[in-house]
PDB file of N, CA and C in Angstrom:
ATOM      1  N   MET A   1     -68.895  71.322 122.883  1.00  0.00           N
ATOM      2  CA  MET A   1     -68.532  72.607 123.443  1.00  0.00           C
ATOM      3  C   MET A   1     -67.017  72.801 123.444  1.00  0.00           C
ATOM      4  N   ASN A   2     -66.276  71.724 123.612  1.00  0.00           N
ATOM      5  CA  ASN A   2     -64.824  71.801 123.627  1.00  0.00           C
ATOM      6  C   ASN A   2     -64.277  72.310 122.295  1.00  0.00           C
ATOM      7  N   HIS A   3     -64.913  71.915 121.194  1.00  0.00           N
ATOM      8  CA  HIS A   3     -64.453  72.359 119.879  1.00  0.00           C
ATOM      9  C   HIS A   3     -64.603  73.874 119.736  1.00  0.00           C
ATOM     10  N   LEU A   4     -65.686  74.409 120.274  1.00  0.00           N
ATOM     11  CA  LEU A   4     -65.902  75.846 120.199  1.00  0.00           C
ATOM     12  C   LEU A   4     -64.876  76.608 121.022  1.00  0.00           C
ATOM     13  N   ILE A   5     -64.557  76.123 122.206  1.00  0.00           N
ATOM     14  CA  ILE A   5     -63.591  76.800 123.074  1.00  0.00           C
ATOM     15  C   ILE A   5     -62.207  76.806 122.428  1.00  0.00           C
ATOM     16  N   VAL A   6     -61.845  75.723 121.766  1.00  0.00           N
ATOM     17  CA  VAL A   6     -60.535  75.644 121.121  1.00  0.00           C
ATOM     18  C   VAL A   6     -60.504  76.505 119.856  1.00  0.00           C
ATOM     19  N   THR A   7     -61.625  76.594 119.164  1.00  0.00           N
ATOM     20  CA  THR A   7     -61.674  77.303 117.886  1.00  0.00           C
ATOM     21  C   THR A   7     -61.884  78.806 118.058  1.00  0.00           C
ATOM     22  N   LEU A   8     -62.465  79.232 119.154  1.00  0.00           N
ATOM     23  CA  LEU A   8     -62.798  80.639 119.358  1.00  0.00           C
ATOM     24  C   LEU A   8     -61.597  81.588 119.257  1.00  0.00           C
ATOM     25  N   PRO A   9     -60.435  81.295 119.814  1.00  0.00           N
ATOM     26  CA  PRO A   9     -59.297  82.212 119.632  1.00  0.00           C
ATOM     27  C   PRO A   9     -58.888  82.375 118.160  1.00  0.00           C
ATOM     28  N   PHE A  10     -59.005  81.307 117.382  1.00  0.00           N
ATOM     29  CA  PHE A  10     -58.680  81.403 115.958  1.00  0.00           C
ATOM     30  C   PHE A  10     -59.690  82.269 115.220  1.00  0.00           C
ATOM     31  N   ILE A  11     -60.943  82.211 115.637  1.00  0.00           N
ATOM     32  CA  ILE A  11     -61.975  83.045 115.013  1.00  0.00           C
ATOM     33  C   ILE A  11     -61.734  84.515 115.334  1.00  0.00           C
ATOM     34  N   VAL A  12     -61.364  84.813 116.571  1.00  0.00           N
ATOM     35  CA  VAL A  12     -61.043  86.198 116.951  1.00  0.00           C
ATOM     36  C   VAL A  12     -59.810  86.679 116.196  1.00  0.00           C
ATOM     37  N   PHE A  13     -58.810  85.810 116.048  1.00  0.00           N
ATOM     38  CA  PHE A  13     -57.602  86.120 115.278  1.00  0.00           C
ATOM     39  C   PHE A  13     -57.964  86.491 113.832  1.00  0.00           C
ATOM     40  N   SER A  14     -58.844  85.712 113.219  1.00  0.00           N
ATOM     41  CA  SER A  14     -59.236  85.991 111.833  1.00  0.00           C
ATOM     42  C   SER A  14     -60.059  87.270 111.739  1.00  0.00           C
ATOM     43  N   LEU A  15     -60.885  87.544 112.743  1.00  0.00           N
ATOM     44  CA  LEU A  15     -61.665  88.781 112.745  1.00  0.00           C
ATOM     45  C   LEU A  15     -60.749  89.995 112.754  1.00  0.00           C
ATOM     46  N   ILE A  16     -59.719  89.957 113.581  1.00  0.00           N
ATOM     47  CA  ILE A  16     -58.780  91.082 113.659  1.00  0.00           C
ATOM     48  C   ILE A  16     -58.049  91.266 112.328  1.00  0.00           C
ATOM     49  N   ILE A  17     -57.614  90.177 111.724  1.00  0.00           N
ATOM     50  CA  ILE A  17     -56.893  90.282 110.454  1.00  0.00           C
ATOM     51  C   ILE A  17     -57.804  90.790 109.347  1.00  0.00           C
ATOM     52  N   ILE A  18     -59.026  90.299 109.288  1.00  0.00           N
ATOM     53  CA  ILE A  18     -59.945  90.741 108.235  1.00  0.00           C
ATOM     54  C   ILE A  18     -60.303  92.214 108.414  1.00  0.00           C
ATOM     55  N   LEU A  19     -60.511  92.656 109.648  1.00  0.00           N
ATOM     56  CA  LEU A  19     -60.778  94.080 109.875  1.00  0.00           C
ATOM     57  C   LEU A  19     -59.579  94.941 109.488  1.00  0.00           C
ATOM     58  N   LEU A  20     -58.376  94.482 109.792  1.00  0.00           N
ATOM     59  CA  LEU A  20     -57.175  95.216 109.414  1.00  0.00           C
ATOM     60  C   LEU A  20     -57.019  95.284 107.896  1.00  0.00           C
ATOM     61  N   LEU A  21     -57.289  94.181 107.224  1.00  0.00           N
ATOM     62  CA  LEU A  21     -57.210  94.179 105.764  1.00  0.00           C
ATOM     63  C   LEU A  21     -58.268  95.083 105.145  1.00  0.00           C
ATOM     64  N   ALA A  22     -59.465  95.103 105.725  1.00  0.00           N
ATOM     65  CA  ALA A  22     -60.515  95.978 105.205  1.00  0.00           C
ATOM     66  C   ALA A  22     -60.182  97.441 105.452  1.00  0.00           C
ATOM     67  N   TYR A  23     -59.582  97.730 106.606  1.00  0.00           N
ATOM     68  CA  TYR A  23     -59.228  99.116 106.930  1.00  0.00           C
ATOM     69  C   TYR A  23     -58.147  99.659 105.999  1.00  0.00           C
ATOM     70  N   THR A  24     -57.244  98.808 105.570  1.00  0.00           N
ATOM     71  CA  THR A  24     -56.145  99.260 104.711  1.00  0.00           C
ATOM     72  C   THR A  24     -56.388  98.981 103.233  1.00  0.00           C
ATOM     73  N   ASP A  25     -57.606  98.617 102.862  1.00  0.00           N
ATOM     74  CA  ASP A  25     -57.918  98.309 101.472  1.00  0.00           C
ATOM     75  C   ASP A  25     -57.855  99.578 100.617  1.00  0.00           C
ATOM     76  N   PRO A  26     -57.070  99.575  99.529  1.00  0.00           N
ATOM     77  CA  PRO A  26     -56.958 100.782  98.706  1.00  0.00           C
ATOM     78  C   PRO A  26     -58.274 101.168  98.028  1.00  0.00           C
ATOM     79  N   ARG A  27     -59.073 100.210  97.661  1.00  0.00           N
ATOM     80  CA  ARG A  27     -60.348 100.529  97.012  1.00  0.00           C
ATOM     81  C   ARG A  27     -61.307 101.195  97.994  1.00  0.00           C
ATOM     82  N   ARG A  28     -61.364 100.670  99.196  1.00  0.00           N
ATOM     83  CA  ARG A  28     -62.210 101.304 100.215  1.00  0.00           C
ATOM     84  C   ARG A  28     -61.727 102.708 100.531  1.00  0.00           C
ATOM     85  N   ARG A  29     -60.413 102.899 100.607  1.00  0.00           N
ATOM     86  CA  ARG A  29     -59.858 104.221 100.904  1.00  0.00           C
ATOM     87  C   ARG A  29     -60.194 105.207  99.790  1.00  0.00           C
ATOM     88  N   LYS A  30     -60.153 104.746  98.540  1.00  0.00           N
ATOM     89  CA  LYS A  30     -60.477 105.618  97.414  1.00  0.00           C
ATOM     90  C   LYS A  30     -61.943 106.050  97.479  1.00  0.00           C
ATOM     91  N   ILE A  31     -62.838 105.130  97.795  1.00  0.00           N
ATOM     92  CA  ILE A  31     -64.258 105.467  97.928  1.00  0.00           C
ATOM     93  C   ILE A  31     -64.468 106.397  99.114  1.00  0.00           C
ATOM     94  N   PHE A  32     -63.774 106.133 100.218  1.00  0.00           N
ATOM     95  CA  PHE A  32     -63.888 106.961 101.411  1.00  0.00           C
ATOM     96  C   PHE A  32     -63.434 108.381 101.123  1.00  0.00           C
ATOM     97  N   ASN A  33     -62.379 108.548 100.336  1.00  0.00           N
ATOM     98  CA  ASN A  33     -61.870 109.884 100.026  1.00  0.00           C
ATOM     99  C   ASN A  33     -62.786 110.634  99.074  1.00  0.00           C
ATOM    100  N   LYS A  34     -63.581 109.942  98.274  1.00  0.00           N
ATOM    101  CA  LYS A  34     -64.505 110.603  97.346  1.00  0.00           C
ATOM    102  C   LYS A  34     -65.758 111.122  98.038  1.00  0.00           C
ATOM    103  N   THR A  35     -66.060 110.621  99.211  1.00  0.00           N
ATOM    104  CA  THR A  35     -67.261 111.056  99.924  1.00  0.00           C
ATOM    105  C   THR A  35     -66.978 112.324 100.711  1.00  0.00           C
ATOM    106  N   ASP A  36     -68.027 112.876 101.274  1.00  0.00           N
ATOM    107  CA  ASP A  36     -67.900 114.105 102.072  1.00  0.00           C
ATOM    108  C   ASP A  36     -67.569 113.826 103.535  1.00  0.00           C
ATOM    109  N   ILE A  37     -67.342 112.570 103.873  1.00  0.00           N
ATOM    110  CA  ILE A  37     -67.069 112.203 105.251  1.00  0.00           C
ATOM    111  C   ILE A  37     -65.641 112.604 105.606  1.00  0.00           C
ATOM    112  N   LYS A  38     -65.495 113.312 106.696  1.00  0.00           N
ATOM    113  CA  LYS A  38     -64.166 113.710 107.156  1.00  0.00           C
ATOM    114  C   LYS A  38     -63.660 112.671 108.151  1.00  0.00           C
ATOM    115  N   GLY A  39     -62.498 112.170 107.911  1.00  0.00           N
ATOM    116  CA  GLY A  39     -61.938 111.173 108.808  1.00  0.00           C
ATOM    117  C   GLY A  39     -60.496 110.898 108.444  1.00  0.00           C
ATOM    118  N   ASN A  40     -59.905 109.957 109.130  1.00  0.00           N
ATOM    119  CA  ASN A  40     -58.513 109.616 108.903  1.00  0.00           C
ATOM    120  C   ASN A  40     -58.435 108.269 108.186  1.00  0.00           C
ATOM    121  N   ALA A  41     -58.020 108.308 106.936  1.00  0.00           N
ATOM    122  CA  ALA A  41     -57.843 107.081 106.156  1.00  0.00           C
ATOM    123  C   ALA A  41     -56.401 107.011 105.672  1.00  0.00           C
ATOM    124  N   ALA A  42     -55.472 107.429 106.510  1.00  0.00           N
ATOM    125  CA  ALA A  42     -54.081 107.550 106.098  1.00  0.00           C
ATOM    126  C   ALA A  42     -53.253 106.296 106.382  1.00  0.00           C
ATOM    127  N   PHE A  43     -53.805 105.324 107.083  1.00  0.00           N
ATOM    128  CA  PHE A  43     -53.054 104.112 107.411  1.00  0.00           C
ATOM    129  C   PHE A  43     -52.928 103.258 106.158  1.00  0.00           C
ATOM    130  N   VAL A  44     -51.691 103.099 105.668  1.00  0.00           N
ATOM    131  CA  VAL A  44     -51.450 102.379 104.414  1.00  0.00           C
ATOM    132  C   VAL A  44     -50.542 101.191 104.712  1.00  0.00           C
ATOM    133  N   MET A  45     -50.814 100.105 104.021  1.00  0.00           N
ATOM    134  CA  MET A  45     -50.008  98.900 104.174  1.00  0.00           C
ATOM    135  C   MET A  45     -49.495  98.484 102.799  1.00  0.00           C
ATOM    136  N   ARG A  46     -48.249  98.062 102.748  1.00  0.00           N
ATOM    137  CA  ARG A  46     -47.692  97.626 101.471  1.00  0.00           C
ATOM    138  C   ARG A  46     -48.408  96.368 100.978  1.00  0.00           C
ATOM    139  N   PRO A  47     -48.442  96.160  99.660  1.00  0.00           N
ATOM    140  CA  PRO A  47     -49.124  94.975  99.120  1.00  0.00           C
ATOM    141  C   PRO A  47     -48.548  93.652  99.628  1.00  0.00           C
ATOM    142  N   ILE A  48     -47.243  93.582  99.810  1.00  0.00           N
ATOM    143  CA  ILE A  48     -46.646  92.331 100.287  1.00  0.00           C
ATOM    144  C   ILE A  48     -47.085  92.040 101.728  1.00  0.00           C
ATOM    145  N   THR A  49     -47.234  93.080 102.533  1.00  0.00           N
ATOM    146  CA  THR A  49     -47.704  92.907 103.907  1.00  0.00           C
ATOM    147  C   THR A  49     -49.148  92.435 103.923  1.00  0.00           C
ATOM    148  N   ARG A  50     -49.948  92.981 103.015  1.00  0.00           N
ATOM    149  CA  ARG A  50     -51.348  92.547 102.915  1.00  0.00           C
ATOM    150  C   ARG A  50     -51.439  91.081 102.486  1.00  0.00           C
ATOM    151  N   LYS A  51     -50.541  90.646 101.596  1.00  0.00           N
ATOM    152  CA  LYS A  51     -50.533  89.246 101.166  1.00  0.00           C
ATOM    153  C   LYS A  51     -50.130  88.323 102.312  1.00  0.00           C
ATOM    154  N   VAL A  52     -49.133  88.739 103.081  1.00  0.00           N
ATOM    155  CA  VAL A  52     -48.699  87.928 104.221  1.00  0.00           C
ATOM    156  C   VAL A  52     -49.825  87.806 105.251  1.00  0.00           C
ATOM    157  N   LEU A  53     -50.527  88.911 105.504  1.00  0.00           N
ATOM    158  CA  LEU A  53     -51.659  88.856 106.434  1.00  0.00           C
ATOM    159  C   LEU A  53     -52.768  87.952 105.904  1.00  0.00           C
ATOM    160  N   SER A  54     -52.991  87.985 104.608  1.00  0.00           N
ATOM    161  CA  SER A  54     -54.008  87.110 104.012  1.00  0.00           C
ATOM    162  C   SER A  54     -53.629  85.649 104.192  1.00  0.00           C
ATOM    163  N   TRP A  55     -52.360  85.324 104.015  1.00  0.00           N
ATOM    164  CA  TRP A  55     -51.909  83.945 104.197  1.00  0.00           C
ATOM    165  C   TRP A  55     -51.931  83.537 105.663  1.00  0.00           C
ATOM    166  N   CYS A  56     -51.876  84.493 106.577  1.00  0.00           N
ATOM    167  CA  CYS A  56     -51.963  84.171 108.006  1.00  0.00           C
ATOM    168  C   CYS A  56     -53.335  83.617 108.372  1.00  0.00           C
ATOM    169  N   LEU A  57     -54.330  83.857 107.536  1.00  0.00           N
ATOM    170  CA  LEU A  57     -55.653  83.296 107.805  1.00  0.00           C
ATOM    171  C   LEU A  57     -55.669  81.778 107.634  1.00  0.00           C
ATOM    172  N   VAL A  58     -54.657  81.220 106.979  1.00  0.00           N
ATOM    173  CA  VAL A  58     -54.573  79.776 106.777  1.00  0.00           C
ATOM    174  C   VAL A  58     -53.856  79.097 107.957  1.00  0.00           C
ATOM    175  N   LEU A  59     -53.091  79.856 108.716  1.00  0.00           N
ATOM    176  CA  LEU A  59     -52.298  79.285 109.811  1.00  0.00           C
ATOM    177  C   LEU A  59     -53.107  78.520 110.863  1.00  0.00           C
ATOM    178  N   PRO A  60     -54.313  78.932 111.232  1.00  0.00           N
ATOM    179  CA  PRO A  60     -55.054  78.165 112.235  1.00  0.00           C
ATOM    180  C   PRO A  60     -55.407  76.740 111.803  1.00  0.00           C
ATOM    181  N   PHE A  61     -55.347  76.448 110.530  1.00  0.00           N
ATOM    182  CA  PHE A  61     -55.630  75.082 110.087  1.00  0.00           C
ATOM    183  C   PHE A  61     -54.577  74.096 110.606  1.00  0.00           C
ATOM    184  N   ILE A  62     -53.346  74.539 110.771  1.00  0.00           N
ATOM    185  CA  ILE A  62     -52.262  73.636 111.193  1.00  0.00           C
ATOM    186  C   ILE A  62     -52.531  73.061 112.587  1.00  0.00           C
ATOM    187  N   PRO A  63     -52.772  73.896 113.617  1.00  0.00           N
ATOM    188  CA  PRO A  63     -53.047  73.285 114.929  1.00  0.00           C
ATOM    189  C   PRO A  63     -54.386  72.547 114.975  1.00  0.00           C
ATOM    190  N   LEU A  64     -55.360  73.010 114.205  1.00  0.00           N
ATOM    191  CA  LEU A  64     -56.648  72.314 114.208  1.00  0.00           C
ATOM    192  C   LEU A  64     -56.526  70.917 113.612  1.00  0.00           C
ATOM    193  N   VAL A  65     -55.720  70.772 112.565  1.00  0.00           N
ATOM    194  CA  VAL A  65     -55.507  69.448 111.977  1.00  0.00           C
ATOM    195  C   VAL A  65     -54.658  68.587 112.909  1.00  0.00           C
ATOM    196  N   MET A  66     -53.658  69.182 113.542  1.00  0.00           N
ATOM    197  CA  MET A  66     -52.810  68.413 114.462  1.00  0.00           C
ATOM    198  C   MET A  66     -53.592  67.909 115.675  1.00  0.00           C
ATOM    199  N   MET A  67     -54.613  68.660 116.100  1.00  0.00           N
ATOM    200  CA  MET A  67     -55.448  68.231 117.219  1.00  0.00           C
ATOM    201  C   MET A  67     -56.595  67.332 116.763  1.00  0.00           C
ATOM    202  N   ALA A  68     -56.699  67.098 115.464  1.00  0.00           N
ATOM    203  CA  ALA A  68     -57.798  66.320 114.876  1.00  0.00           C
ATOM    204  C   ALA A  68     -59.147  66.933 115.238  1.00  0.00           C
ATOM    205  N   ASN A  69     -59.192  68.248 115.245  1.00  0.00           N
ATOM    206  CA  ASN A  69     -60.405  68.997 115.574  1.00  0.00           C
ATOM    207  C   ASN A  69     -61.123  69.332 114.267  1.00  0.00           C
ATOM    208  N   TYR A  70     -61.735  68.331 113.665  1.00  0.00           N
ATOM    209  CA  TYR A  70     -62.366  68.522 112.364  1.00  0.00           C
ATOM    210  C   TYR A  70     -63.639  69.351 112.473  1.00  0.00           C
ATOM    211  N   ALA A  71     -64.323  69.258 113.585  1.00  0.00           N
ATOM    212  CA  ALA A  71     -65.481  70.128 113.800  1.00  0.00           C
ATOM    213  C   ALA A  71     -65.021  71.583 113.917  1.00  0.00           C
ATOM    214  N   GLY A  72     -63.876  71.788 114.554  1.00  0.00           N
ATOM    215  CA  GLY A  72     -63.315  73.136 114.659  1.00  0.00           C
ATOM    216  C   GLY A  72     -62.912  73.693 113.309  1.00  0.00           C
ATOM    217  N   ILE A  73     -62.410  72.833 112.420  1.00  0.00           N
ATOM    218  CA  ILE A  73     -62.052  73.277 111.073  1.00  0.00           C
ATOM    219  C   ILE A  73     -63.291  73.753 110.338  1.00  0.00           C
ATOM    220  N   LEU A  74     -64.374  73.007 110.456  1.00  0.00           N
ATOM    221  CA  LEU A  74     -65.622  73.420 109.802  1.00  0.00           C
ATOM    222  C   LEU A  74     -66.162  74.716 110.408  1.00  0.00           C
ATOM    223  N   MET A  75     -66.076  74.842 111.738  1.00  0.00           N
ATOM    224  CA  MET A  75     -66.529  76.080 112.380  1.00  0.00           C
ATOM    225  C   MET A  75     -65.666  77.261 111.955  1.00  0.00           C
ATOM    226  N   TYR A  76     -64.358  77.051 111.858  1.00  0.00           N
ATOM    227  CA  TYR A  76     -63.462  78.127 111.452  1.00  0.00           C
ATOM    228  C   TYR A  76     -63.740  78.555 110.007  1.00  0.00           C
ATOM    229  N   CYS A  77     -63.931  77.578 109.128  1.00  0.00           N
ATOM    230  CA  CYS A  77     -64.236  77.910 107.725  1.00  0.00           C
ATOM    231  C   CYS A  77     -65.543  78.687 107.619  1.00  0.00           C
ATOM    232  N   GLY A  78     -66.554  78.259 108.351  1.00  0.00           N
ATOM    233  CA  GLY A  78     -67.833  78.962 108.331  1.00  0.00           C
ATOM    234  C   GLY A  78     -67.723  80.354 108.916  1.00  0.00           C
ATOM    235  N   ALA A  79     -67.025  80.474 110.035  1.00  0.00           N
ATOM    236  CA  ALA A  79     -66.864  81.781 110.672  1.00  0.00           C
ATOM    237  C   ALA A  79     -66.046  82.719 109.794  1.00  0.00           C
ATOM    238  N   LEU A  80     -65.024  82.201 109.142  1.00  0.00           N
ATOM    239  CA  LEU A  80     -64.205  83.013 108.251  1.00  0.00           C
ATOM    240  C   LEU A  80     -65.038  83.559 107.099  1.00  0.00           C
ATOM    241  N   THR A  81     -65.903  82.723 106.546  1.00  0.00           N
ATOM    242  CA  THR A  81     -66.775  83.152 105.462  1.00  0.00           C
ATOM    243  C   THR A  81     -67.762  84.222 105.926  1.00  0.00           C
ATOM    244  N   VAL A  82     -68.390  83.993 107.067  1.00  0.00           N
ATOM    245  CA  VAL A  82     -69.389  84.942 107.571  1.00  0.00           C
ATOM    246  C   VAL A  82     -68.728  86.258 107.982  1.00  0.00           C
ATOM    247  N   ILE A  83     -67.588  86.204 108.631  1.00  0.00           N
ATOM    248  CA  ILE A  83     -66.886  87.421 109.040  1.00  0.00           C
ATOM    249  C   ILE A  83     -66.459  88.223 107.811  1.00  0.00           C
ATOM    250  N   GLY A  84     -65.912  87.543 106.819  1.00  0.00           N
ATOM    251  CA  GLY A  84     -65.520  88.238 105.584  1.00  0.00           C
ATOM    252  C   GLY A  84     -66.701  88.888 104.901  1.00  0.00           C
ATOM    253  N   TRP A  85     -67.828  88.205 104.876  1.00  0.00           N
ATOM    254  CA  TRP A  85     -69.016  88.754 104.251  1.00  0.00           C
ATOM    255  C   TRP A  85     -69.522  89.969 105.028  1.00  0.00           C
ATOM    256  N   LEU A  86     -69.582  89.863 106.357  1.00  0.00           N
ATOM    257  CA  LEU A  86     -70.066  90.980 107.165  1.00  0.00           C
ATOM    258  C   LEU A  86     -69.159  92.204 107.067  1.00  0.00           C
ATOM    259  N   VAL A  87     -67.859  91.985 107.094  1.00  0.00           N
ATOM    260  CA  VAL A  87     -66.924  93.117 107.009  1.00  0.00           C
ATOM    261  C   VAL A  87     -66.984  93.763 105.630  1.00  0.00           C
ATOM    262  N   SER A  88     -67.167  92.972 104.591  1.00  0.00           N
ATOM    263  CA  SER A  88     -67.247  93.553 103.248  1.00  0.00           C
ATOM    264  C   SER A  88     -68.523  94.360 103.056  1.00  0.00           C
ATOM    265  N   GLU A  89     -69.553  94.072 103.829  1.00  0.00           N
ATOM    266  CA  GLU A  89     -70.807  94.817 103.730  1.00  0.00           C
ATOM    267  C   GLU A  89     -70.821  96.087 104.571  1.00  0.00           C
ATOM    268  N   LEU A  90     -69.844  96.265 105.444  1.00  0.00           N
ATOM    269  CA  LEU A  90     -69.776  97.489 106.243  1.00  0.00           C
ATOM    270  C   LEU A  90     -69.442  98.674 105.351  1.00  0.00           C
ATOM    271  N   PRO A  91     -70.069  99.817 105.602  1.00  0.00           N
ATOM    272  CA  PRO A  91     -69.697 101.017 104.844  1.00  0.00           C
ATOM    273  C   PRO A  91     -68.271 101.443 105.179  1.00  0.00           C
ATOM    274  N   SER A  92     -67.650 102.135 104.255  1.00  0.00           N
ATOM    275  CA  SER A  92     -66.262 102.570 104.445  1.00  0.00           C
ATOM    276  C   SER A  92     -66.100 103.521 105.623  1.00  0.00           C
ATOM    277  N   SER A  93     -67.153 104.234 105.975  1.00  0.00           N
ATOM    278  CA  SER A  93     -67.042 105.192 107.066  1.00  0.00           C
ATOM    279  C   SER A  93     -67.007 104.527 108.433  1.00  0.00           C
ATOM    280  N   LEU A  94     -67.454 103.271 108.542  1.00  0.00           N
ATOM    281  CA  LEU A  94     -67.466 102.600 109.833  1.00  0.00           C
ATOM    282  C   LEU A  94     -66.166 101.912 110.164  1.00  0.00           C
ATOM    283  N   ILE A  95     -65.368 101.627 109.182  1.00  0.00           N
ATOM    284  CA  ILE A  95     -64.126 100.901 109.423  1.00  0.00           C
ATOM    285  C   ILE A  95     -63.002 101.876 109.651  1.00  0.00           C
TER     286      ILE A  95
END
């Protein structure tokens, strides 16, 4: 249970970053603009900022390795994969 408590903030951190990256994805915005859905898709992020945010998903590995929380590393990798998959399956109108 201790591994989950230590890893949970990193999982929430990755969820926020993945949702932000999905919200500012140019391909999703292009599809969203082609549909009849009226909404605000004006939030744009530069490509370098998107790359930096993507690399921030690797940062939780540093404290997890320093704490020798190898179960937490496996949980984080699994959660990162599942969160990325779920967010990519969301329709553009929900994000």
